[in-house]
PDB file of N, CA and C in Angstrom:
ATOM      1  N   THR A   1    -106.362 -91.823 -29.182  1.00  0.00           N
ATOM      2  CA  THR A   1    -107.277 -92.465 -30.110  1.00  0.00           C
ATOM      3  C   THR A   1    -107.882 -93.692 -29.430  1.00  0.00           C
ATOM      4  N   VAL A   2    -109.126 -93.964 -29.745  1.00  0.00           N
ATOM      5  CA  VAL A   2    -109.837 -95.121 -29.220  1.00  0.00           C
ATOM      6  C   VAL A   2    -110.336 -95.916 -30.410  1.00  0.00           C
ATOM      7  N   ASN A   3    -109.810 -97.129 -30.572  1.00  0.00           N
ATOM      8  CA  ASN A   3    -110.156 -97.985 -31.712  1.00  0.00           C
ATOM      9  C   ASN A   3    -110.062 -97.223 -33.037  1.00  0.00           C
ATOM     10  N   GLY A   4    -108.999 -96.456 -33.192  1.00  0.00           N
ATOM     11  CA  GLY A   4    -108.727 -95.753 -34.433  1.00  0.00           C
ATOM     12  C   GLY A   4    -109.402 -94.409 -34.586  1.00  0.00           C
ATOM     13  N   GLU A   5    -110.288 -94.042 -33.672  1.00  0.00           N
ATOM     14  CA  GLU A   5    -110.968 -92.750 -33.748  1.00  0.00           C
ATOM     15  C   GLU A   5    -110.363 -91.780 -32.744  1.00  0.00           C
ATOM     16  N   GLN A   6    -110.059 -90.581 -33.225  1.00  0.00           N
ATOM     17  CA  GLN A   6    -109.474 -89.577 -32.348  1.00  0.00           C
ATOM     18  C   GLN A   6    -110.529 -89.050 -31.387  1.00  0.00           C
ATOM     19  N   ARG A   7    -110.170 -88.983 -30.120  1.00  0.00           N
ATOM     20  CA  ARG A   7    -111.071 -88.478 -29.081  1.00  0.00           C
ATOM     21  C   ARG A   7    -110.377 -87.362 -28.324  1.00  0.00           C
ATOM     22  N   TYR A   8    -111.161 -86.401 -27.891  1.00  0.00           N
ATOM     23  CA  TYR A   8    -110.618 -85.311 -27.078  1.00  0.00           C
ATOM     24  C   TYR A   8    -111.263 -85.370 -25.710  1.00  0.00           C
ATOM     25  N   LEU A   9    -110.451 -85.184 -24.684  1.00  0.00           N
ATOM     26  CA  LEU A   9    -110.947 -85.209 -23.318  1.00  0.00           C
ATOM     27  C   LEU A   9    -111.351 -83.810 -22.891  1.00  0.00           C
ATOM     28  N   ASP A  10    -112.342 -83.719 -22.021  1.00  0.00           N
ATOM     29  CA  ASP A  10    -112.778 -82.408 -21.543  1.00  0.00           C
ATOM     30  C   ASP A  10    -111.880 -81.881 -20.426  1.00  0.00           C
ATOM     31  N   SER A  11    -110.938 -82.700 -19.996  1.00  0.00           N
ATOM     32  CA  SER A  11    -109.959 -82.307 -18.994  1.00  0.00           C
ATOM     33  C   SER A  11    -108.660 -83.024 -19.357  1.00  0.00           C
ATOM     34  N   PRO A  12    -107.537 -82.344 -19.337  1.00  0.00           N
ATOM     35  CA  PRO A  12    -106.299 -82.972 -19.808  1.00  0.00           C
ATOM     36  C   PRO A  12    -105.804 -84.071 -18.868  1.00  0.00           C
ATOM     37  N   PRO A  13    -105.146 -85.089 -19.435  1.00  0.00           N
ATOM     38  CA  PRO A  13    -104.528 -86.118 -18.609  1.00  0.00           C
ATOM     39  C   PRO A  13    -103.460 -85.499 -17.707  1.00  0.00           C
ATOM     40  N   VAL A  14    -103.203 -86.163 -16.593  1.00  0.00           N
ATOM     41  CA  VAL A  14    -102.199 -85.722 -15.636  1.00  0.00           C
ATOM     42  C   VAL A  14    -101.241 -86.890 -15.414  1.00  0.00           C
ATOM     43  N   ILE A  15     -99.948 -86.622 -15.454  1.00  0.00           N
ATOM     44  CA  ILE A  15     -98.982 -87.656 -15.119  1.00  0.00           C
ATOM     45  C   ILE A  15     -98.573 -87.421 -13.674  1.00  0.00           C
ATOM     46  N   LYS A  16     -98.852 -88.421 -12.837  1.00  0.00           N
ATOM     47  CA  LYS A  16     -98.563 -88.316 -11.412  1.00  0.00           C
ATOM     48  C   LYS A  16     -98.016 -89.658 -10.937  1.00  0.00           C
ATOM     49  N   ASN A  17     -96.956 -89.614 -10.166  1.00  0.00           N
ATOM     50  CA  ASN A  17     -96.307 -90.835  -9.687  1.00  0.00           C
ATOM     51  C   ASN A  17     -95.942 -91.764 -10.848  1.00  0.00           C
ATOM     52  N   GLY A  18     -95.586 -91.157 -11.989  1.00  0.00           N
ATOM     53  CA  GLY A  18     -95.144 -91.928 -13.141  1.00  0.00           C
ATOM     54  C   GLY A  18     -96.254 -92.603 -13.917  1.00  0.00           C
ATOM     55  N   ARG A  19     -97.499 -92.299 -13.614  1.00  0.00           N
ATOM     56  CA  ARG A  19     -98.630 -92.924 -14.306  1.00  0.00           C
ATOM     57  C   ARG A  19     -99.577 -91.860 -14.832  1.00  0.00           C
ATOM     58  N   THR A  20    -100.256 -92.181 -15.918  1.00  0.00           N
ATOM     59  CA  THR A  20    -101.209 -91.247 -16.516  1.00  0.00           C
ATOM     60  C   THR A  20    -102.583 -91.435 -15.895  1.00  0.00           C
ATOM     61  N   LEU A  21    -103.107 -90.341 -15.357  1.00  0.00           N
ATOM     62  CA  LEU A  21    -104.474 -90.320 -14.821  1.00  0.00           C
ATOM     63  C   LEU A  21    -105.314 -89.464 -15.753  1.00  0.00           C
ATOM     64  N   LEU A  22    -106.535 -89.895 -16.003  1.00  0.00           N
ATOM     65  CA  LEU A  22    -107.415 -89.081 -16.842  1.00  0.00           C
ATOM     66  C   LEU A  22    -108.866 -89.320 -16.513  1.00  0.00           C
ATOM     67  N   PRO A  23    -109.726 -88.370 -16.946  1.00  0.00           N
ATOM     68  CA  PRO A  23    -111.167 -88.574 -16.757  1.00  0.00           C
ATOM     69  C   PRO A  23    -111.607 -89.675 -17.725  1.00  0.00           C
ATOM     70  N   ILE A  24    -112.048 -90.795 -17.216  1.00  0.00           N
ATOM     71  CA  ILE A  24    -112.201 -92.013 -18.008  1.00  0.00           C
ATOM     72  C   ILE A  24    -113.534 -92.136 -18.739  1.00  0.00           C
ATOM     73  N   ARG A  25    -114.545 -91.365 -18.327  1.00  0.00           N
ATOM     74  CA  ARG A  25    -115.895 -91.555 -18.874  1.00  0.00           C
ATOM     75  C   ARG A  25    -115.940 -91.530 -20.405  1.00  0.00           C
ATOM     76  N   ALA A  26    -115.337 -90.538 -21.035  1.00  0.00           N
ATOM     77  CA  ALA A  26    -115.415 -90.419 -22.500  1.00  0.00           C
ATOM     78  C   ALA A  26    -114.819 -91.643 -23.191  1.00  0.00           C
ATOM     79  N   ILE A  27    -113.751 -92.181 -22.635  1.00  0.00           N
ATOM     80  CA  ILE A  27    -113.109 -93.343 -23.244  1.00  0.00           C
ATOM     81  C   ILE A  27    -113.970 -94.589 -23.066  1.00  0.00           C
ATOM     82  N   ILE A  28    -114.447 -94.808 -21.858  1.00  0.00           N
ATOM     83  CA  ILE A  28    -115.267 -95.996 -21.593  1.00  0.00           C
ATOM     84  C   ILE A  28    -116.548 -95.961 -22.432  1.00  0.00           C
ATOM     85  N   GLU A  29    -117.190 -94.810 -22.501  1.00  0.00           N
ATOM     86  CA  GLU A  29    -118.412 -94.708 -23.299  1.00  0.00           C
ATOM     87  C   GLU A  29    -118.126 -94.884 -24.787  1.00  0.00           C
ATOM     88  N   ALA A  30    -116.970 -94.420 -25.263  1.00  0.00           N
ATOM     89  CA  ALA A  30    -116.598 -94.620 -26.669  1.00  0.00           C
ATOM     90  C   ALA A  30    -116.416 -96.109 -26.981  1.00  0.00           C
ATOM     91  N   LEU A  31    -116.030 -96.885 -25.968  1.00  0.00           N
ATOM     92  CA  LEU A  31    -115.861 -98.327 -26.145  1.00  0.00           C
ATOM     93  C   LEU A  31    -117.169 -99.086 -25.951  1.00  0.00           C
ATOM     94  N   GLY A  32    -118.231 -98.381 -25.535  1.00  0.00           N
ATOM     95  CA  GLY A  32    -119.529 -99.017 -25.345  1.00  0.00           C
ATOM     96  C   GLY A  32    -119.835 -99.391 -23.907  1.00  0.00           C
ATOM     97  N   GLY A  33    -119.037 -98.906 -22.973  1.00  0.00           N
ATOM     98  CA  GLY A  33    -119.244 -99.223 -21.560  1.00  0.00           C
ATOM     99  C   GLY A  33    -119.969 -98.128 -20.812  1.00  0.00           C
ATOM    100  N   THR A  34    -120.103 -98.341 -19.503  1.00  0.00           N
ATOM    101  CA  THR A  34    -120.765 -97.357 -18.649  1.00  0.00           C
ATOM    102  C   THR A  34    -119.876 -97.025 -17.454  1.00  0.00           C
ATOM    103  N   VAL A  35    -120.070 -95.821 -16.928  1.00  0.00           N
ATOM    104  CA  VAL A  35    -119.355 -95.356 -15.745  1.00  0.00           C
ATOM    105  C   VAL A  35    -120.384 -94.784 -14.790  1.00  0.00           C
ATOM    106  N   LYS A  36    -120.334 -95.245 -13.535  1.00  0.00           N
ATOM    107  CA  LYS A  36    -121.239 -94.730 -12.506  1.00  0.00           C
ATOM    108  C   LYS A  36    -120.416 -94.164 -11.362  1.00  0.00           C
ATOM    109  N   TRP A  37    -120.881 -93.088 -10.767  1.00  0.00           N
ATOM    110  CA  TRP A  37    -120.228 -92.453  -9.628  1.00  0.00           C
ATOM    111  C   TRP A  37    -121.118 -92.635  -8.410  1.00  0.00           C
ATOM    112  N   ILE A  38    -120.552 -93.186  -7.333  1.00  0.00           N
ATOM    113  CA  ILE A  38    -121.272 -93.334  -6.072  1.00  0.00           C
ATOM    114  C   ILE A  38    -120.678 -92.316  -5.108  1.00  0.00           C
ATOM    115  N   ALA A  39    -121.374 -91.201  -4.935  1.00  0.00           N
ATOM    116  CA  ALA A  39    -120.840 -90.066  -4.178  1.00  0.00           C
ATOM    117  C   ALA A  39    -120.568 -90.399  -2.716  1.00  0.00           C
ATOM    118  N   ASP A  40    -121.449 -91.165  -2.078  1.00  0.00           N
ATOM    119  CA  ASP A  40    -121.304 -91.466  -0.648  1.00  0.00           C
ATOM    120  C   ASP A  40    -119.962 -92.101  -0.313  1.00  0.00           C
ATOM    121  N   THR A  41    -119.488 -92.991  -1.182  1.00  0.00           N
ATOM    122  CA  THR A  41    -118.237 -93.710  -0.923  1.00  0.00           C
ATOM    123  C   THR A  41    -117.101 -93.261  -1.838  1.00  0.00           C
ATOM    124  N   LYS A  42    -117.367 -92.247  -2.673  1.00  0.00           N
ATOM    125  CA  LYS A  42    -116.380 -91.762  -3.649  1.00  0.00           C
ATOM    126  C   LYS A  42    -115.819 -92.930  -4.464  1.00  0.00           C
ATOM    127  N   THR A  43    -116.746 -93.698  -5.027  1.00  0.00           N
ATOM    128  CA  THR A  43    -116.404 -94.897  -5.783  1.00  0.00           C
ATOM    129  C   THR A  43    -116.873 -94.756  -7.227  1.00  0.00           C
ATOM    130  N   VAL A  44    -116.033 -95.237  -8.147  1.00  0.00           N
ATOM    131  CA  VAL A  44    -116.373 -95.282  -9.566  1.00  0.00           C
ATOM    132  C   VAL A  44    -116.595 -96.747  -9.938  1.00  0.00           C
ATOM    133  N   VAL A  45    -117.702 -97.020 -10.630  1.00  0.00           N
ATOM    134  CA  VAL A  45    -117.991 -98.367 -11.118  1.00  0.00           C
ATOM    135  C   VAL A  45    -117.982 -98.309 -12.643  1.00  0.00           C
ATOM    136  N   ILE A  46    -117.112 -99.113 -13.236  1.00  0.00           N
ATOM    137  CA  ILE A  46    -116.971 -99.153 -14.693  1.00  0.00           C
ATOM    138  C   ILE A  46    -117.395-100.533 -15.165  1.00  0.00           C
ATOM    139  N   GLU A  47    -118.237-100.578 -16.191  1.00  0.00           N
ATOM    140  CA  GLU A  47    -118.655-101.849 -16.778  1.00  0.00           C
ATOM    141  C   GLU A  47    -118.457-101.786 -18.283  1.00  0.00           C
ATOM    142  N   LEU A  48    -117.830-102.832 -18.806  1.00  0.00           N
ATOM    143  CA  LEU A  48    -117.592-102.927 -20.247  1.00  0.00           C
ATOM    144  C   LEU A  48    -117.539-104.404 -20.606  1.00  0.00           C
ATOM    145  N   GLY A  49    -118.418-104.806 -21.523  1.00  0.00           N
ATOM    146  CA  GLY A  49    -118.477-106.223 -21.889  1.00  0.00           C
ATOM    147  C   GLY A  49    -118.789-107.054 -20.659  1.00  0.00           C
ATOM    148  N   ASN A  50    -117.985-108.083 -20.423  1.00  0.00           N
ATOM    149  CA  ASN A  50    -118.182-108.963 -19.268  1.00  0.00           C
ATOM    150  C   ASN A  50    -117.354-108.524 -18.063  1.00  0.00           C
ATOM    151  N   ASN A  51    -116.763-107.358 -18.116  1.00  0.00           N
ATOM    152  CA  ASN A  51    -115.855-106.905 -17.067  1.00  0.00           C
ATOM    153  C   ASN A  51    -116.426-105.744 -16.266  1.00  0.00           C
ATOM    154  N   SER A  52    -116.058-105.737 -14.972  1.00  0.00           N
ATOM    155  CA  SER A  52    -116.435-104.610 -14.133  1.00  0.00           C
ATOM    156  C   SER A  52    -115.264-104.263 -13.218  1.00  0.00           C
ATOM    157  N   ILE A  53    -115.147-102.975 -12.914  1.00  0.00           N
ATOM    158  CA  ILE A  53    -114.089-102.475 -12.042  1.00  0.00           C
ATOM    159  C   ILE A  53    -114.727-101.488 -11.069  1.00  0.00           C
ATOM    160  N   MET A  54    -114.347-101.603  -9.800  1.00  0.00           N
ATOM    161  CA  MET A  54    -114.750-100.623  -8.791  1.00  0.00           C
ATOM    162  C   MET A  54    -113.474-100.004  -8.235  1.00  0.00           C
ATOM    163  N   LEU A  55    -113.385 -98.679  -8.321  1.00  0.00           N
ATOM    164  CA  LEU A  55    -112.236 -97.951  -7.798  1.00  0.00           C
ATOM    165  C   LEU A  55    -112.731 -96.881  -6.846  1.00  0.00           C
ATOM    166  N   GLN A  56    -111.998 -96.676  -5.770  1.00  0.00           N
ATOM    167  CA  GLN A  56    -112.375 -95.673  -4.782  1.00  0.00           C
ATOM    168  C   GLN A  56    -111.277 -94.617  -4.694  1.00  0.00           C
ATOM    169  N   ILE A  57    -111.692 -93.368  -4.613  1.00  0.00           N
ATOM    170  CA  ILE A  57    -110.742 -92.264  -4.504  1.00  0.00           C
ATOM    171  C   ILE A  57    -109.778 -92.525  -3.336  1.00  0.00           C
ATOM    172  N   GLY A  58    -108.479 -92.415  -3.616  1.00  0.00           N
ATOM    173  CA  GLY A  58    -107.449 -92.565  -2.597  1.00  0.00           C
ATOM    174  C   GLY A  58    -107.086 -93.987  -2.228  1.00  0.00           C
ATOM    175  N   ASN A  59    -107.719 -94.988  -2.850  1.00  0.00           N
ATOM    176  CA  ASN A  59    -107.493 -96.383  -2.497  1.00  0.00           C
ATOM    177  C   ASN A  59    -106.626 -97.067  -3.552  1.00  0.00           C
ATOM    178  N   ALA A  60    -105.530 -97.694  -3.130  1.00  0.00           N
ATOM    179  CA  ALA A  60    -104.611 -98.373  -4.051  1.00  0.00           C
ATOM    180  C   ALA A  60    -105.127 -99.739  -4.491  1.00  0.00           C
ATOM    181  N   ASN A  61    -106.246-100.180  -3.910  1.00  0.00           N
ATOM    182  CA  ASN A  61    -106.873-101.447  -4.299  1.00  0.00           C
ATOM    183  C   ASN A  61    -108.120-101.181  -5.116  1.00  0.00           C
ATOM    184  N   ALA A  62    -108.420-102.119  -6.002  1.00  0.00           N
ATOM    185  CA  ALA A  62    -109.644-102.041  -6.798  1.00  0.00           C
ATOM    186  C   ALA A  62    -110.284-103.421  -6.818  1.00  0.00           C
ATOM    187  N   LEU A  63    -111.552-103.456  -7.128  1.00  0.00           N
ATOM    188  CA  LEU A  63    -112.231-104.727  -7.365  1.00  0.00           C
ATOM    189  C   LEU A  63    -112.365-104.902  -8.868  1.00  0.00           C
ATOM    190  N   VAL A  64    -111.772-105.960  -9.403  1.00  0.00           N
ATOM    191  CA  VAL A  64    -111.859-106.263 -10.825  1.00  0.00           C
ATOM    192  C   VAL A  64    -112.595-107.586 -10.953  1.00  0.00           C
ATOM    193  N   ASN A  65    -113.784-107.527 -11.521  1.00  0.00           N
ATOM    194  CA  ASN A  65    -114.637-108.710 -11.645  1.00  0.00           C
ATOM    195  C   ASN A  65    -114.789-109.420 -10.301  1.00  0.00           C
ATOM    196  N   GLY A  66    -114.930-108.615  -9.231  1.00  0.00           N
ATOM    197  CA  GLY A  66    -115.144-109.152  -7.896  1.00  0.00           C
ATOM    198  C   GLY A  66    -113.890-109.561  -7.139  1.00  0.00           C
ATOM    199  N   ASN A  67    -112.724-109.445  -7.787  1.00  0.00           N
ATOM    200  CA  ASN A  67    -111.469-109.832  -7.143  1.00  0.00           C
ATOM    201  C   ASN A  67    -110.667-108.601  -6.751  1.00  0.00           C
ATOM    202  N   ASN A  68    -110.119-108.605  -5.539  1.00  0.00           N
ATOM    203  CA  ASN A  68    -109.279-107.511  -5.061  1.00  0.00           C
ATOM    204  C   ASN A  68    -107.969-107.501  -5.835  1.00  0.00           C
ATOM    205  N   LYS A  69    -107.560-106.325  -6.297  1.00  0.00           N
ATOM    206  CA  LYS A  69    -106.336-106.220  -7.101  1.00  0.00           C
ATOM    207  C   LYS A  69    -105.669-104.874  -6.817  1.00  0.00           C
ATOM    208  N   LEU A  70    -104.356-104.886  -6.633  1.00  0.00           N
ATOM    209  CA  LEU A  70    -103.626-103.632  -6.495  1.00  0.00           C
ATOM    210  C   LEU A  70    -103.588-102.904  -7.828  1.00  0.00           C
ATOM    211  N   ILE A  71    -103.794-101.599  -7.799  1.00  0.00           N
ATOM    212  CA  ILE A  71    -103.757-100.809  -9.030  1.00  0.00           C
ATOM    213  C   ILE A  71    -102.360-100.822  -9.630  1.00  0.00           C
ATOM    214  N   ASP A  72    -101.344-100.638  -8.791  1.00  0.00           N
ATOM    215  CA  ASP A  72     -99.959-100.661  -9.261  1.00  0.00           C
ATOM    216  C   ASP A  72     -99.089-101.266  -8.153  1.00  0.00           C
ATOM    217  N   PRO A  73     -98.821-102.573  -8.217  1.00  0.00           N
ATOM    218  CA  PRO A  73     -98.048-103.229  -7.157  1.00  0.00           C
ATOM    219  C   PRO A  73     -96.662-102.615  -6.926  1.00  0.00           C
ATOM    220  N   GLN A  74     -96.080-101.985  -7.942  1.00  0.00           N
ATOM    221  CA  GLN A  74     -94.763-101.365  -7.803  1.00  0.00           C
ATOM    222  C   GLN A  74     -94.829 -99.955  -7.219  1.00  0.00           C
ATOM    223  N   ASN A  75     -96.029 -99.362  -7.190  1.00  0.00           N
ATOM    224  CA  ASN A  75     -96.138 -97.983  -6.715  1.00  0.00           C
ATOM    225  C   ASN A  75     -97.512 -97.785  -6.060  1.00  0.00           C
ATOM    226  N   LEU A  76     -97.561 -97.947  -4.745  1.00  0.00           N
ATOM    227  CA  LEU A  76     -98.831 -97.839  -4.026  1.00  0.00           C
ATOM    228  C   LEU A  76     -99.368 -96.416  -3.953  1.00  0.00           C
ATOM    229  N   LYS A  77     -98.607 -95.439  -4.462  1.00  0.00           N
ATOM    230  CA  LYS A  77     -99.086 -94.053  -4.511  1.00  0.00           C
ATOM    231  C   LYS A  77    -100.014 -93.811  -5.696  1.00  0.00           C
ATOM    232  N   VAL A  78    -100.094 -94.773  -6.618  1.00  0.00           N
ATOM    233  CA  VAL A  78    -100.975 -94.635  -7.777  1.00  0.00           C
ATOM    234  C   VAL A  78    -102.387 -95.002  -7.341  1.00  0.00           C
ATOM    235  N   VAL A  79    -103.221 -93.987  -7.208  1.00  0.00           N
ATOM    236  CA  VAL A  79    -104.599 -94.152  -6.752  1.00  0.00           C
ATOM    237  C   VAL A  79    -105.515 -93.239  -7.557  1.00  0.00           C
ATOM    238  N   PRO A  80    -106.802 -93.548  -7.618  1.00  0.00           N
ATOM    239  CA  PRO A  80    -107.762 -92.606  -8.207  1.00  0.00           C
ATOM    240  C   PRO A  80    -107.769 -91.321  -7.374  1.00  0.00           C
ATOM    241  N   GLU A  81    -107.889 -90.184  -8.050  1.00  0.00           N
ATOM    242  CA  GLU A  81    -107.859 -88.896  -7.360  1.00  0.00           C
ATOM    243  C   GLU A  81    -108.904 -87.960  -7.946  1.00  0.00           C
ATOM    244  N   ILE A  82    -109.241 -86.957  -7.159  1.00  0.00           N
ATOM    245  CA  ILE A  82    -110.044 -85.857  -7.673  1.00  0.00           C
ATOM    246  C   ILE A  82    -109.084 -84.688  -7.855  1.00  0.00           C
ATOM    247  N   ILE A  83    -108.928 -84.256  -9.108  1.00  0.00           N
ATOM    248  CA  ILE A  83    -108.011 -83.172  -9.451  1.00  0.00           C
ATOM    249  C   ILE A  83    -108.804 -82.101 -10.186  1.00  0.00           C
ATOM    250  N   ASN A  84    -108.764 -80.885  -9.667  1.00  0.00           N
ATOM    251  CA  ASN A  84    -109.527 -79.771 -10.261  1.00  0.00           C
ATOM    252  C   ASN A  84    -111.001 -80.134 -10.452  1.00  0.00           C
ATOM    253  N   GLY A  85    -111.564 -80.834  -9.455  1.00  0.00           N
ATOM    254  CA  GLY A  85    -112.975 -81.174  -9.501  1.00  0.00           C
ATOM    255  C   GLY A  85    -113.332 -82.345 -10.399  1.00  0.00           C
ATOM    256  N   ARG A  86    -112.336 -82.992 -10.993  1.00  0.00           N
ATOM    257  CA  ARG A  86    -112.590 -84.112 -11.904  1.00  0.00           C
ATOM    258  C   ARG A  86    -112.062 -85.403 -11.304  1.00  0.00           C
ATOM    259  N   THR A  87    -112.789 -86.486 -11.474  1.00  0.00           N
ATOM    260  CA  THR A  87    -112.326 -87.795 -11.030  1.00  0.00           C
ATOM    261  C   THR A  87    -111.350 -88.317 -12.069  1.00  0.00           C
ATOM    262  N   MET A  88    -110.123 -88.539 -11.619  1.00  0.00           N
ATOM    263  CA  MET A  88    -109.047 -88.969 -12.512  1.00  0.00           C
ATOM    264  C   MET A  88    -108.618 -90.387 -12.125  1.00  0.00           C
ATOM    265  N   LEU A  89    -108.607 -91.280 -13.110  1.00  0.00           N
ATOM    266  CA  LEU A  89    -108.293 -92.684 -12.866  1.00  0.00           C
ATOM    267  C   LEU A  89    -107.040 -93.098 -13.627  1.00  0.00           C
ATOM    268  N   PRO A  90    -106.307 -94.095 -13.102  1.00  0.00           N
ATOM    269  CA  PRO A  90    -105.108 -94.591 -13.782  1.00  0.00           C
ATOM    270  C   PRO A  90    -105.489 -95.342 -15.060  1.00  0.00           C
ATOM    271  N   LEU A  91    -105.164 -94.745 -16.193  1.00  0.00           N
ATOM    272  CA  LEU A  91    -105.606 -95.253 -17.488  1.00  0.00           C
ATOM    273  C   LEU A  91    -105.177 -96.685 -17.753  1.00  0.00           C
ATOM    274  N   ARG A  92    -103.889 -96.971 -17.648  1.00  0.00           N
ATOM    275  CA  ARG A  92    -103.417 -98.303 -18.031  1.00  0.00           C
ATOM    276  C   ARG A  92    -104.102 -99.396 -17.198  1.00  0.00           C
ATOM    277  N   PHE A  93    -104.215 -99.181 -15.895  1.00  0.00           N
ATOM    278  CA  PHE A  93    -104.861-100.186 -15.046  1.00  0.00           C
ATOM    279  C   PHE A  93    -106.301-100.418 -15.498  1.00  0.00           C
ATOM    280  N   VAL A  94    -107.054 -99.355 -15.691  1.00  0.00           N
ATOM    281  CA  VAL A  94    -108.458 -99.479 -16.077  1.00  0.00           C
ATOM    282  C   VAL A  94    -108.574-100.166 -17.432  1.00  0.00           C
ATOM    283  N   ALA A  95    -107.848 -99.672 -18.423  1.00  0.00           N
ATOM    284  CA  ALA A  95    -107.964-100.211 -19.778  1.00  0.00           C
ATOM    285  C   ALA A  95    -107.559-101.678 -19.839  1.00  0.00           C
ATOM    286  N   GLU A  96    -106.428-102.010 -19.231  1.00  0.00           N
ATOM    287  CA  GLU A  96    -105.962-103.394 -19.292  1.00  0.00           C
ATOM    288  C   GLU A  96    -106.853-104.326 -18.480  1.00  0.00           C
ATOM    289  N   SER A  97    -107.432-103.843 -17.389  1.00  0.00           N
ATOM    290  CA  SER A  97    -108.362-104.664 -16.605  1.00  0.00           C
ATOM    291  C   SER A  97    -109.632-104.971 -17.388  1.00  0.00           C
ATOM    292  N   LEU A  98    -109.955-104.123 -18.356  1.00  0.00           N
ATOM    293  CA  LEU A  98    -111.133-104.327 -19.202  1.00  0.00           C
ATOM    294  C   LEU A  98    -110.804-105.109 -20.467  1.00  0.00           C
ATOM    295  N   GLY A  99    -109.534-105.476 -20.636  1.00  0.00           N
ATOM    296  CA  GLY A  99    -109.136-106.247 -21.808  1.00  0.00           C
ATOM    297  C   GLY A  99    -108.691-105.405 -22.983  1.00  0.00           C
ATOM    298  N   ALA A 100    -108.424-104.136 -22.767  1.00  0.00           N
ATOM    299  CA  ALA A 100    -107.973-103.253 -23.845  1.00  0.00           C
ATOM    300  C   ALA A 100    -106.444-103.157 -23.841  1.00  0.00           C
ATOM    301  N   ASP A 101    -105.894-102.770 -24.974  1.00  0.00           N
ATOM    302  CA  ASP A 101    -104.455-102.559 -25.106  1.00  0.00           C
ATOM    303  C   ASP A 101    -104.203-101.053 -25.090  1.00  0.00           C
ATOM    304  N   VAL A 102    -103.147-100.630 -24.383  1.00  0.00           N
ATOM    305  CA  VAL A 102    -102.804 -99.219 -24.279  1.00  0.00           C
ATOM    306  C   VAL A 102    -101.391 -99.018 -24.795  1.00  0.00           C
ATOM    307  N   GLN A 103    -101.230 -98.066 -25.695  1.00  0.00           N
ATOM    308  CA  GLN A 103     -99.909 -97.717 -26.220  1.00  0.00           C
ATOM    309  C   GLN A 103     -99.680 -96.224 -26.016  1.00  0.00           C
ATOM    310  N   TRP A 104     -98.453 -95.857 -25.638  1.00  0.00           N
ATOM    311  CA  TRP A 104     -98.074 -94.465 -25.406  1.00  0.00           C
ATOM    312  C   TRP A 104     -97.017 -94.072 -26.415  1.00  0.00           C
ATOM    313  N   ASP A 105     -97.226 -92.970 -27.126  1.00  0.00           N
ATOM    314  CA  ASP A 105     -96.228 -92.412 -28.038  1.00  0.00           C
ATOM    315  C   ASP A 105     -95.684 -91.150 -27.388  1.00  0.00           C
ATOM    316  N   GLY A 106     -94.472 -91.254 -26.846  1.00  0.00           N
ATOM    317  CA  GLY A 106     -93.868 -90.136 -26.143  1.00  0.00           C
ATOM    318  C   GLY A 106     -93.562 -88.953 -27.039  1.00  0.00           C
ATOM    319  N   THR A 107     -93.308 -89.204 -28.321  1.00  0.00           N
ATOM    320  CA  THR A 107     -92.991 -88.121 -29.248  1.00  0.00           C
ATOM    321  C   THR A 107     -94.191 -87.220 -29.479  1.00  0.00           C
ATOM    322  N   THR A 108     -95.344 -87.833 -29.755  1.00  0.00           N
ATOM    323  CA  THR A 108     -96.555 -87.049 -30.025  1.00  0.00           C
ATOM    324  C   THR A 108     -97.405 -86.872 -28.776  1.00  0.00           C
ATOM    325  N   ARG A 109     -96.988 -87.529 -27.680  1.00  0.00           N
ATOM    326  CA  ARG A 109     -97.741 -87.511 -26.422  1.00  0.00           C
ATOM    327  C   ARG A 109     -99.184 -87.946 -26.663  1.00  0.00           C
ATOM    328  N   THR A 110     -99.304 -89.071 -27.383  1.00  0.00           N
ATOM    329  CA  THR A 110    -100.611 -89.614 -27.752  1.00  0.00           C
ATOM    330  C   THR A 110    -100.801 -90.985 -27.109  1.00  0.00           C
ATOM    331  N   ILE A 111    -101.983 -91.192 -26.572  1.00  0.00           N
ATOM    332  CA  ILE A 111    -102.363 -92.486 -26.018  1.00  0.00           C
ATOM    333  C   ILE A 111    -103.276 -93.173 -27.035  1.00  0.00           C
ATOM    334  N   THR A 112    -102.974 -94.431 -27.349  1.00  0.00           N
ATOM    335  CA  THR A 112    -103.817 -95.207 -28.268  1.00  0.00           C
ATOM    336  C   THR A 112    -104.379 -96.397 -27.513  1.00  0.00           C
ATOM    337  N   ILE A 113    -105.705 -96.519 -27.539  1.00  0.00           N
ATOM    338  CA  ILE A 113    -106.400 -97.603 -26.855  1.00  0.00           C
ATOM    339  C   ILE A 113    -107.102 -98.446 -27.906  1.00  0.00           C
ATOM    340  N   THR A 114    -106.875 -99.763 -27.833  1.00  0.00           N
ATOM    341  CA  THR A 114    -107.532-100.681 -28.745  1.00  0.00           C
ATOM    342  C   THR A 114    -108.284-101.717 -27.931  1.00  0.00           C
ATOM    343  N   TYR A 115    -109.553-101.892 -28.250  1.00  0.00           N
ATOM    344  CA  TYR A 115    -110.409-102.834 -27.532  1.00  0.00           C
ATOM    345  C   TYR A 115    -111.128-103.699 -28.548  1.00  0.00           C
ATOM    346  N   GLN A 116    -110.978-105.003 -28.398  1.00  0.00           N
ATOM    347  CA  GLN A 116    -111.594-105.936 -29.344  1.00  0.00           C
ATOM    348  C   GLN A 116    -112.908-106.506 -28.816  1.00  0.00           C
ATOM    349  N   GLY A 117    -113.280-106.126 -27.614  1.00  0.00           N
ATOM    350  CA  GLY A 117    -114.500-106.650 -27.011  1.00  0.00           C
ATOM    351  C   GLY A 117    -114.172-107.781 -26.045  1.00  0.00           C
ATOM    352  N   GLY A 118    -115.145-108.110 -25.227  1.00  0.00           N
ATOM    353  CA  GLY A 118    -114.895-109.215 -24.300  1.00  0.00           C
ATOM    354  C   GLY A 118    -115.516-109.005 -22.959  1.00  0.00           C
TER     355      GLY A 118
END
């Protein structure tokens, strides 16, 4: 769910290296943001409110509002990937870097994202 509205992804989330990766476009657009793909460098640019994130396929570092940041300091294997032809990004890192809250319900296997703007 995104801000209380149920959303369905066109490709299922994948749990890899203990983190959830998913195609992020539908979620970012539901929050009012934009996602751009730069094919030459295999880079995703996400903009939402006053925040921007640049992630590159296979790279454990990201640019968040112009600052270099590790995606997961405890697990450098967590990187953006292309899986079954889809660009899959680490949900918690992206959402929290944009100022959103992420909750996981293991019983229903549901991800809830809440964004208040910013």
